[in-house]
Every structure is written in C-alpha cells, then in structure tokens.
Amino acid sequence: MNDESLEGSGLMFTARLNYTLVARNGLFLGISFTPFLYNGKIIPFGGFSFGKEF
C-alpha cells in the first residue's frame, strides 16, 4: 500500500462477505468483499474465485 499513514505496526480488523454459486456439474464461481478497518480508515479489498469441485 502506498498510504504513508499506514506505516508501522498496529491492530487491523477485518470481516468477509462472500457469495459462492455451485452448479450441479461441480463448477463454482465465488466473489468476496473484505474491507479492513485500520486507524479509523476503511481499506476496501476483494476477490473472486472459480473452478471445479472433485
């Protein structure tokens, strides 16, 4: 991260909102949102996943 106010050490809180869709043939697609709370600032972060269950 390039935010100078985030230098050093400290305590960071997080949570995750996640949604996963699984088809009958085993294919899945997921999306997630993971915000971080640090020094009163919310830092948004997220991702996605896809694949096949076996």
C-alpha atoms as a PDB file:
ATOM      1  CA  MET A   1       0.000   0.000   0.000  1.00  0.00           C
ATOM      2  CA  ASN A   2       1.239   3.454  -0.804  1.00  0.00           C
ATOM      3  CA  ASP A   3      -0.611   5.250   2.009  1.00  0.00           C
ATOM      4  CA  GLU A   4       2.001   6.877   4.271  1.00  0.00           C
ATOM      5  CA  SER A   5      -0.427   6.984   7.205  1.00  0.00           C
ATOM      6  CA  LEU A   6      -0.422   3.142   7.292  1.00  0.00           C
ATOM      7  CA  GLU A   7       3.280   2.773   8.130  1.00  0.00           C
ATOM      8  CA  GLY A   8       4.358   0.952  11.282  1.00  0.00           C
ATOM      9  CA  SER A   9       2.536  -1.672  13.265  1.00  0.00           C
ATOM     10  CA  GLY A  10      -0.931  -1.726  14.723  1.00  0.00           C
ATOM     11  CA  LEU A  11      -4.156  -3.623  15.019  1.00  0.00           C
ATOM     12  CA  MET A  12      -6.284  -4.167  11.912  1.00  0.00           C
ATOM     13  CA  PHE A  13      -9.850  -5.534  11.944  1.00  0.00           C
ATOM     14  CA  THR A  14     -11.478  -7.330   9.049  1.00  0.00           C
ATOM     15  CA  ALA A  15     -14.636  -9.175   8.016  1.00  0.00           C
ATOM     16  CA  ARG A  16     -15.631 -11.005   4.862  1.00  0.00           C
ATOM     17  CA  LEU A  17     -18.767 -11.026   2.768  1.00  0.00           C
ATOM     18  CA  ASN A  18     -18.748 -13.954   0.383  1.00  0.00           C
ATOM     19  CA  TYR A  19     -21.104 -15.451  -2.195  1.00  0.00           C
ATOM     20  CA  THR A  20     -20.448 -18.774  -3.929  1.00  0.00           C
ATOM     21  CA  LEU A  21     -22.520 -20.310  -6.710  1.00  0.00           C
ATOM     22  CA  VAL A  22     -22.068 -24.057  -7.322  1.00  0.00           C
ATOM     23  CA  ALA A  23     -23.560 -25.787 -10.380  1.00  0.00           C
ATOM     24  CA  ARG A  24     -24.714 -29.411 -10.412  1.00  0.00           C
ATOM     25  CA  ASN A  25     -21.724 -30.418 -12.555  1.00  0.00           C
ATOM     26  CA  GLY A  26     -19.284 -29.187  -9.874  1.00  0.00           C
ATOM     27  CA  LEU A  27     -18.293 -25.862 -11.402  1.00  0.00           C
ATOM     28  CA  PHE A  28     -18.235 -22.966  -8.947  1.00  0.00           C
ATOM     29  CA  LEU A  29     -17.934 -19.194  -9.044  1.00  0.00           C
ATOM     30  CA  GLY A  30     -17.344 -17.032  -5.994  1.00  0.00           C
ATOM     31  CA  ILE A  31     -16.952 -13.349  -5.208  1.00  0.00           C
ATOM     32  CA  SER A  32     -15.923 -11.751  -1.931  1.00  0.00           C
ATOM     33  CA  PHE A  33     -15.544  -8.321  -0.337  1.00  0.00           C
ATOM     34  CA  THR A  34     -13.083  -7.961   2.537  1.00  0.00           C
ATOM     35  CA  PRO A  35     -12.821  -4.449   3.994  1.00  0.00           C
ATOM     36  CA  PHE A  36     -10.066  -3.691   6.513  1.00  0.00           C
ATOM     37  CA  LEU A  37     -10.532  -1.159   9.323  1.00  0.00           C
ATOM     38  CA  TYR A  38      -7.276   0.491  10.401  1.00  0.00           C
ATOM     39  CA  ASN A  39      -6.920   3.731  12.373  1.00  0.00           C
ATOM     40  CA  GLY A  40     -10.479   4.747  11.508  1.00  0.00           C
ATOM     41  CA  LYS A  41      -9.931   4.214   7.765  1.00  0.00           C
ATOM     42  CA  ILE A  42     -11.759   1.603   5.711  1.00  0.00           C
ATOM     43  CA  ILE A  43      -9.487  -0.083   3.179  1.00  0.00           C
ATOM     44  CA  PRO A  44     -11.578  -1.990   0.583  1.00  0.00           C
ATOM     45  CA  PHE A  45     -10.280  -5.297  -0.718  1.00  0.00           C
ATOM     46  CA  GLY A  46     -11.918  -8.203  -2.516  1.00  0.00           C
ATOM     47  CA  GLY A  47     -11.518 -11.032  -4.936  1.00  0.00           C
ATOM     48  CA  PHE A  48     -13.125 -13.766  -6.971  1.00  0.00           C
ATOM     49  CA  SER A  49     -12.653 -17.470  -7.462  1.00  0.00           C
ATOM     50  CA  PHE A  50     -13.722 -20.086  -9.962  1.00  0.00           C
ATOM     51  CA  GLY A  51     -13.002 -23.734 -10.514  1.00  0.00           C
ATOM     52  CA  LYS A  52     -14.366 -27.262 -10.326  1.00  0.00           C
ATOM     53  CA  GLU A  53     -15.090 -29.416  -7.281  1.00  0.00           C
ATOM     54  CA  PHE A  54     -13.923 -33.009  -7.422  1.00  0.00           C
END
